Amino acid sequence: MGKYRVGVIGCGDNTKKKGPMGYAMAWAHAEAYEKLSEQCEIVACADIVEKNARAFADRFGVKNIYSDYKKMLAEENLDIVSICVWMALHAQMTIDAAEAGVKAIHCEKPMATTWGDAKRMAQVCNELGVQLTFNHQRRFGAPFVIAKEMLKAGEIGEAQILQYGCGNLFDTGTHFIDMLSFFNDETPAKWVIAQIDYRKPNLVFGADHEGQVWAAWEYENGVMGMAASGPGSPIIGAMDRIVGTKGVIEVGVSSMNKLPLRIKRDGQTEWEVIDTKGESIHGPGFIDRAVADIVDALTTGRESQLCARRALIATEIIFACWESSRRRGRVDLPLDVDGNALDEMIKAGQIG
């Protein structure tokens, strides 16, 4: 078999400061494909800003540059497409790529700006036999992998409560609520109850985010979930926290400059800091491993760690939190609305 032909949509500007206007994630994807040079070749890229596409192509030796991603899909006979644009564009680009006949799509997170679009992306790819994955790369990070290993080894007994505390529900939360799914064996939630605050515009990659949230939910296996974002996040005290019957594990400890990992077992008076082999909660090497996983999954036919089925669990919880705030009550799952309650409340002048 020859090399997989890879195309990239949304090259970004790698010279700009990273932040809520962009991270040029395509460069990180491309560096990961570059490490798999015996299996993958980036043959084309598309960006509406020619300068960005040209800089990306020069760096990664990409021969064909497009300003229209649909033209790239039509002409390049691609096997794998990385989608690295703002979240409002994910759904249509994913569906266009799937219908163009690609074998695999690796999309940046969050999935989409509405629950309906997130489900539609997954449904279309499933019907067409296209592997759809999302870049929840922390599933390959040592702090998280070791935390799960300690949990499964019974070092804090059985998990009772899984907590997330920092940032926001959508852009940041999609990672760390997804990690709660990782710790809980990909178990879906049963219900969600939440309240949010939105006092001023809070745009990240062009999408609205709440300023603060307090949320709770129950997974189908009886484990409870909890999230606090914005000013209330110190209530949790860590990016991810696992409360077990015999102790606690914390990943990304807020009070200690995001200390990667620590554990306190029953009977211990002090926290034990766990060696994470030089890795923080952000890396290095997570995206390299993520891309290697999606390529291996495509080659072997297995399910990727980053598959849409898993991404939908955290995504549904996030949209259900906003919907619960709109209803001022508990939302039972599966979520029965397809929109984005936060966006709709803002547009209606109901919050903010």
Protein backbone atom coordinates (compact mmCIF):
# COMPACT_ATOMS: atom_id res chain seq x y z
CA MET A 1 0.00 0.00 0.00
CA GLY A 2 1.20 3.50 -0.83
CA LYS A 3 1.30 6.43 1.51
CA TYR A 4 -1.89 8.04 2.75
CA ARG A 5 -2.56 11.27 0.89
CA VAL A 6 -3.20 13.96 3.51
CA GLY A 7 -4.89 17.33 3.03
CA VAL A 8 -5.16 20.13 5.57
CA ILE A 9 -8.01 22.66 5.78
CA GLY A 10 -7.17 25.85 7.66
CA CYS A 11 -3.43 26.44 7.85
CA GLY A 12 -3.53 29.41 10.23
CA ASP A 13 -0.85 31.98 10.95
CA ASN A 14 1.95 30.39 12.96
CA THR A 15 3.65 33.76 13.53
CA LYS A 16 0.86 35.24 15.66
CA LYS A 17 0.56 34.95 19.43
CA LYS A 18 -1.47 31.89 20.39
CA GLY A 19 -4.83 32.59 21.99
CA PRO A 20 -8.62 32.79 21.48
CA MET A 21 -8.15 34.04 17.91
CA GLY A 22 -6.13 31.01 16.90
CA TYR A 23 -3.34 28.53 17.58
CA ALA A 24 -2.41 27.52 14.01
CA MET A 25 -3.12 23.93 15.05
CA ALA A 26 -2.57 22.76 11.49
CA TRP A 27 1.16 23.15 12.09
CA ALA A 28 1.01 20.73 15.02
CA HIS A 29 -1.02 18.26 12.95
CA ALA A 30 1.48 18.56 10.10
CA GLU A 31 4.48 18.00 12.38
CA ALA A 32 2.80 14.81 13.58
CA TYR A 33 2.15 13.58 10.03
CA GLU A 34 5.77 14.46 9.23
CA LYS A 35 6.90 12.00 11.91
CA LEU A 36 4.89 9.34 10.06
CA SER A 37 6.57 10.02 6.72
CA GLU A 38 6.69 6.33 5.77
CA GLN A 39 2.88 6.19 5.99
CA CYS A 40 1.66 9.73 5.24
CA GLU A 41 2.37 12.56 2.83
CA ILE A 42 0.74 16.00 3.03
CA VAL A 43 -0.08 16.64 -0.61
CA ALA A 44 -2.37 19.68 -0.36
CA CYS A 45 -3.54 22.47 1.93
CA ALA A 46 -6.33 25.02 1.82
CA ASP A 47 -6.69 28.41 3.48
CA ILE A 48 -8.65 31.51 2.51
CA VAL A 49 -5.54 33.57 3.35
CA GLU A 50 -2.96 32.80 0.64
CA LYS A 51 -0.06 33.99 2.81
CA ASN A 52 -0.95 31.44 5.49
CA ALA A 53 -1.26 28.61 2.98
CA ARG A 54 2.03 29.60 1.32
CA ALA A 55 3.96 29.67 4.62
CA PHE A 56 2.50 26.30 5.62
CA ALA A 57 3.31 24.78 2.23
CA ASP A 58 6.87 26.10 2.31
CA ARG A 59 7.50 24.66 5.76
CA PHE A 60 6.05 21.21 5.09
CA GLY A 61 6.90 20.78 1.41
CA VAL A 62 3.27 20.80 0.27
CA LYS A 63 2.98 21.05 -3.50
CA ASN A 64 -0.63 22.07 -4.02
CA ILE A 65 -2.23 25.13 -2.42
CA TYR A 66 -5.93 26.02 -2.55
CA SER A 67 -8.06 28.93 -1.41
CA ASP A 68 -11.20 26.79 -1.77
CA TYR A 69 -11.21 23.60 0.31
CA LYS A 70 -14.00 22.10 -1.82
CA LYS A 71 -11.78 22.35 -4.90
CA MET A 72 -9.01 20.60 -2.97
CA LEU A 73 -11.39 17.80 -1.98
CA ALA A 74 -12.58 17.42 -5.57
CA GLU A 75 -9.13 17.32 -7.17
CA GLU A 76 -6.69 15.67 -4.75
CA ASN A 77 -8.10 12.16 -4.09
CA LEU A 78 -7.29 12.50 -0.40
CA ASP A 79 -7.24 9.69 2.15
CA ILE A 80 -6.99 11.78 5.33
CA VAL A 81 -8.11 15.35 5.98
CA SER A 82 -7.21 17.44 9.02
CA ILE A 83 -9.73 20.22 9.73
CA CYS A 84 -8.13 23.04 11.73
CA VAL A 85 -10.58 25.93 11.42
CA TRP A 86 -12.90 27.66 13.90
CA MET A 87 -15.59 25.41 15.37
CA ALA A 88 -18.57 26.92 13.52
CA LEU A 89 -17.09 25.58 10.26
CA HIS A 90 -16.39 22.04 11.47
CA ALA A 91 -19.69 20.39 10.61
CA GLN A 92 -20.05 21.43 6.99
CA MET A 93 -16.38 20.87 6.19
CA THR A 94 -16.51 17.42 7.79
CA ILE A 95 -19.58 16.44 5.81
CA ASP A 96 -18.11 17.81 2.58
CA ALA A 97 -14.92 15.81 3.14
CA ALA A 98 -16.83 12.63 3.93
CA GLU A 99 -18.99 13.01 0.83
CA ALA A 100 -15.86 13.64 -1.25
CA GLY A 101 -14.71 10.09 -0.42
CA VAL A 102 -11.90 10.54 2.09
CA LYS A 103 -11.16 7.63 4.41
CA ALA A 104 -10.51 9.56 7.63
CA ILE A 105 -11.14 13.04 9.03
CA HIS A 106 -9.25 14.39 12.02
CA CYS A 107 -10.99 17.53 13.26
CA GLU A 108 -10.03 20.07 15.87
CA LYS A 109 -12.22 20.40 18.94
CA PRO A 110 -14.89 21.28 20.07
CA MET A 111 -16.99 19.18 17.71
CA ALA A 112 -19.43 21.86 16.51
CA THR A 113 -21.36 24.91 17.68
CA THR A 114 -24.71 23.08 17.92
CA TRP A 115 -25.64 19.68 19.27
CA GLY A 116 -27.47 18.89 16.06
CA ASP A 117 -24.36 19.56 13.96
CA ALA A 118 -22.21 17.40 16.26
CA LYS A 119 -24.61 14.47 15.83
CA ARG A 120 -24.95 15.08 12.08
CA MET A 121 -21.16 14.97 11.55
CA ALA A 122 -20.95 11.64 13.35
CA GLN A 123 -23.99 10.20 11.57
CA VAL A 124 -22.86 11.11 8.06
CA CYS A 125 -19.36 9.72 8.62
CA ASN A 126 -20.76 6.54 10.13
CA GLU A 127 -23.13 6.02 7.19
CA LEU A 128 -20.33 6.59 4.66
CA GLY A 129 -17.79 4.46 6.51
CA VAL A 130 -15.46 7.40 7.20
CA GLN A 131 -13.31 7.40 10.34
CA LEU A 132 -14.11 10.63 12.22
CA THR A 133 -11.88 11.71 15.11
CA PHE A 134 -11.43 14.83 17.23
CA ASN A 135 -8.23 16.20 18.67
CA HIS A 136 -8.80 15.38 22.36
CA GLN A 137 -5.09 14.64 22.52
CA ARG A 138 -4.81 14.56 26.32
CA ARG A 139 -5.97 10.96 26.19
CA PHE A 140 -2.33 10.24 25.30
CA GLY A 141 -0.73 12.39 28.03
CA ALA A 142 1.20 10.76 30.86
CA PRO A 143 -0.62 12.64 33.70
CA PHE A 144 -3.98 11.35 32.47
CA VAL A 145 -2.87 7.85 31.47
CA ILE A 146 -1.12 7.31 34.81
CA ALA A 147 -4.16 8.67 36.69
CA LYS A 148 -6.38 6.15 34.94
CA GLU A 149 -3.93 3.33 35.63
CA MET A 150 -3.90 4.21 39.33
CA LEU A 151 -7.71 4.33 39.38
CA LYS A 152 -8.03 0.96 37.63
CA ALA A 153 -5.46 -0.54 40.00
CA GLY A 154 -7.76 0.36 42.90
CA GLU A 155 -5.38 2.85 44.52
CA ILE A 156 -8.29 5.10 45.53
CA GLY A 157 -11.00 2.44 45.52
CA GLU A 158 -13.99 2.87 43.23
CA ALA A 159 -14.62 6.20 41.49
CA GLN A 160 -17.54 8.11 43.01
CA ILE A 161 -17.25 11.70 41.72
CA LEU A 162 -15.43 13.04 38.65
CA GLN A 163 -14.82 16.80 38.64
CA TYR A 164 -13.57 19.48 36.24
CA GLY A 165 -12.61 23.00 37.26
CA CYS A 166 -11.14 25.76 35.07
CA GLY A 167 -11.63 27.93 31.99
CA ASN A 168 -15.00 27.35 30.38
CA LEU A 169 -17.26 24.47 29.41
CA PHE A 170 -16.76 24.54 25.66
CA ASP A 171 -13.24 25.27 24.45
CA THR A 172 -11.40 24.13 27.59
CA GLY A 173 -14.07 21.87 28.99
CA THR A 174 -14.31 19.74 25.86
CA HIS A 175 -10.81 18.45 26.73
CA PHE A 176 -11.17 17.93 30.44
CA ILE A 177 -14.79 16.70 30.50
CA ASP A 178 -13.69 14.29 27.78
CA MET A 179 -10.97 13.12 30.16
CA LEU A 180 -13.65 12.36 32.75
CA SER A 181 -15.18 10.05 30.13
CA PHE A 182 -11.73 8.52 29.67
CA PHE A 183 -11.49 7.79 33.41
CA ASN A 184 -15.08 6.43 33.46
CA ASP A 185 -14.75 3.95 30.58
CA GLU A 186 -16.70 6.12 28.09
CA THR A 187 -19.97 5.87 30.05
CA PRO A 188 -22.67 8.33 28.86
CA ALA A 189 -24.47 10.66 31.25
CA LYS A 190 -28.11 10.21 32.36
CA TRP A 191 -29.01 13.77 33.37
CA VAL A 192 -27.46 17.21 33.80
CA ILE A 193 -28.34 20.20 35.97
CA ALA A 194 -26.48 23.50 35.67
CA GLN A 195 -26.56 27.27 36.00
CA ILE A 196 -24.42 29.72 34.05
CA ASP A 197 -23.50 33.40 34.19
CA TYR A 198 -22.82 35.54 31.11
CA ARG A 199 -22.00 39.14 32.05
CA LYS A 200 -19.92 40.18 29.09
CA PRO A 201 -18.96 38.81 25.67
CA ASN A 202 -16.65 35.83 25.97
CA LEU A 203 -15.67 34.79 22.45
CA VAL A 204 -13.19 31.99 21.79
CA PHE A 205 -12.55 31.08 18.13
CA GLY A 206 -15.64 33.10 17.23
CA ALA A 207 -18.05 31.20 19.49
CA ASP A 208 -19.72 32.37 22.69
CA HIS A 209 -18.71 30.82 26.00
CA GLU A 210 -20.25 31.28 29.42
CA GLY A 211 -18.34 33.34 31.98
CA GLN A 212 -19.06 30.99 34.85
CA VAL A 213 -20.85 27.68 35.40
CA TRP A 214 -21.78 25.35 38.20
CA ALA A 215 -22.94 21.95 36.94
CA ALA A 216 -23.61 18.42 38.11
CA TRP A 217 -24.57 15.24 36.31
CA GLU A 218 -24.89 11.50 36.79
CA TYR A 219 -23.34 8.90 34.52
CA GLU A 220 -25.24 5.74 33.62
CA ASN A 221 -23.04 3.70 35.97
CA GLY A 222 -23.94 5.88 38.97
CA VAL A 223 -20.69 7.87 39.07
CA MET A 224 -21.37 11.59 39.57
CA GLY A 225 -19.87 14.41 37.49
CA MET A 226 -19.28 18.02 38.46
CA ALA A 227 -17.92 21.13 36.73
CA ALA A 228 -17.09 24.69 37.78
CA SER A 229 -15.73 27.25 35.32
CA GLY A 230 -14.64 30.84 35.61
CA PRO A 231 -14.41 32.46 39.07
CA GLY A 232 -15.91 29.36 40.70
CA SER A 233 -13.32 26.91 39.40
CA PRO A 234 -11.19 27.01 42.61
CA ILE A 235 -14.05 25.08 44.26
CA ILE A 236 -12.71 22.05 42.36
CA GLY A 237 -9.04 23.02 42.62
CA ALA A 238 -7.79 20.96 39.66
CA MET A 239 -8.41 20.56 35.96
CA ASP A 240 -9.60 17.00 36.66
CA ARG A 241 -10.28 15.45 40.06
CA ILE A 242 -11.23 11.84 40.79
CA VAL A 243 -12.84 11.22 44.17
CA GLY A 244 -12.84 7.54 45.07
CA THR A 245 -14.06 5.47 47.98
CA LYS A 246 -10.49 5.29 49.33
CA GLY A 247 -8.78 8.49 48.23
CA VAL A 248 -8.43 11.27 45.67
CA ILE A 249 -6.42 11.79 42.46
CA GLU A 250 -5.87 15.30 41.07
CA VAL A 251 -4.61 16.16 37.58
CA GLY A 252 -3.46 19.71 36.89
CA VAL A 253 -3.57 21.14 40.41
CA SER A 254 -4.61 24.81 40.24
CA SER A 255 -2.93 25.98 43.44
CA MET A 256 0.45 24.56 42.39
CA ASN A 257 0.83 26.03 38.89
CA LYS A 258 -0.98 23.08 37.33
CA LEU A 259 1.09 20.39 39.04
CA PRO A 260 0.56 17.45 36.67
CA LEU A 261 -0.49 14.68 39.06
CA ARG A 262 -0.86 13.85 42.73
CA ILE A 263 -2.69 11.31 44.88
CA LYS A 264 -3.85 11.08 48.47
CA ARG A 265 -4.90 7.62 49.61
CA ASP A 266 -6.95 6.90 52.71
CA GLY A 267 -4.73 7.16 55.76
CA GLN A 268 -2.25 9.52 54.12
CA THR A 269 -1.90 12.99 55.64
CA GLU A 270 0.12 14.43 52.77
CA TRP A 271 -0.30 14.42 49.02
CA GLU A 272 2.06 12.19 47.02
CA VAL A 273 3.33 13.82 43.82
CA ILE A 274 3.49 11.32 40.94
CA ASP A 275 6.27 11.36 38.37
CA THR A 276 4.78 12.05 34.92
CA LYS A 277 8.01 11.61 33.01
CA GLY A 278 8.47 15.32 32.31
CA GLU A 279 5.02 15.79 30.84
CA SER A 280 2.61 18.51 31.93
CA ILE A 281 -1.14 18.48 31.28
CA HIS A 282 -0.39 20.13 27.91
CA GLY A 283 2.44 17.98 26.55
CA PRO A 284 4.85 17.53 24.93
CA GLY A 285 4.10 14.87 22.35
CA PHE A 286 0.34 14.51 22.82
CA ILE A 287 -0.66 15.53 19.28
CA ASP A 288 2.06 13.35 17.76
CA ARG A 289 0.57 10.35 19.60
CA ALA A 290 -2.96 11.38 18.68
CA VAL A 291 -2.21 11.52 14.96
CA ALA A 292 -0.27 8.26 15.17
CA ASP A 293 -3.33 6.68 16.77
CA ILE A 294 -5.75 7.85 14.08
CA VAL A 295 -3.42 6.63 11.33
CA ASP A 296 -2.96 3.24 13.03
CA ALA A 297 -6.72 2.94 13.58
CA LEU A 298 -7.32 3.63 9.89
CA THR A 299 -4.72 1.05 8.89
CA THR A 300 -5.89 -1.70 11.24
CA GLY A 301 -9.62 -1.01 11.22
CA ARG A 302 -9.88 -0.58 15.01
CA GLU A 303 -11.67 2.25 16.81
CA SER A 304 -9.50 5.25 17.59
CA GLN A 305 -9.24 6.65 21.11
CA LEU A 306 -10.38 9.93 19.53
CA CYS A 307 -13.48 8.62 17.74
CA ALA A 308 -16.70 10.60 17.41
CA ARG A 309 -18.59 8.14 19.62
CA ARG A 310 -16.41 9.11 22.57
CA ALA A 311 -16.34 12.83 21.73
CA LEU A 312 -20.14 12.93 21.70
CA ILE A 313 -20.31 12.00 25.40
CA ALA A 314 -18.56 15.15 26.63
CA THR A 315 -20.19 17.28 23.93
CA GLU A 316 -23.69 16.26 25.00
CA ILE A 317 -22.91 17.14 28.63
CA ILE A 318 -21.71 20.61 27.58
CA PHE A 319 -24.79 21.43 25.49
CA ALA A 320 -27.03 19.96 28.19
CA CYS A 321 -25.46 22.29 30.78
CA TRP A 322 -26.45 25.33 28.71
CA GLU A 323 -29.91 23.85 28.07
CA SER A 324 -30.40 23.21 31.79
CA SER A 325 -29.63 26.86 32.52
CA ARG A 326 -32.23 27.90 29.95
CA ARG A 327 -34.88 25.58 31.41
CA ARG A 328 -33.90 26.36 35.01
CA GLY A 329 -34.10 22.68 35.74
CA ARG A 330 -32.64 19.23 35.19
CA VAL A 331 -32.22 17.95 31.64
CA ASP A 332 -32.66 14.22 31.13
CA LEU A 333 -30.56 12.66 28.39
CA PRO A 334 -30.43 12.00 25.51
CA LEU A 335 -30.62 15.73 24.85
CA ASP A 336 -33.82 16.48 22.95
CA VAL A 337 -32.89 19.81 21.33
CA ASP A 338 -30.43 20.30 18.49
CA GLY A 339 -29.39 23.92 18.98
CA ASN A 340 -27.07 25.86 21.27
CA ALA A 341 -28.99 27.23 24.27
CA LEU A 342 -26.23 29.67 25.26
CA ASP A 343 -26.10 31.24 21.81
CA GLU A 344 -29.88 31.35 21.57
CA MET A 345 -30.28 32.99 25.01
CA ILE A 346 -27.71 35.65 24.11
CA LYS A 347 -29.38 36.43 20.80
CA ALA A 348 -32.78 36.64 22.51
CA GLY A 349 -31.45 39.05 25.12
CA GLN A 350 -32.28 36.63 27.93
CA ILE A 351 -28.77 36.75 29.43
CA GLY A 352 -25.83 39.10 29.26
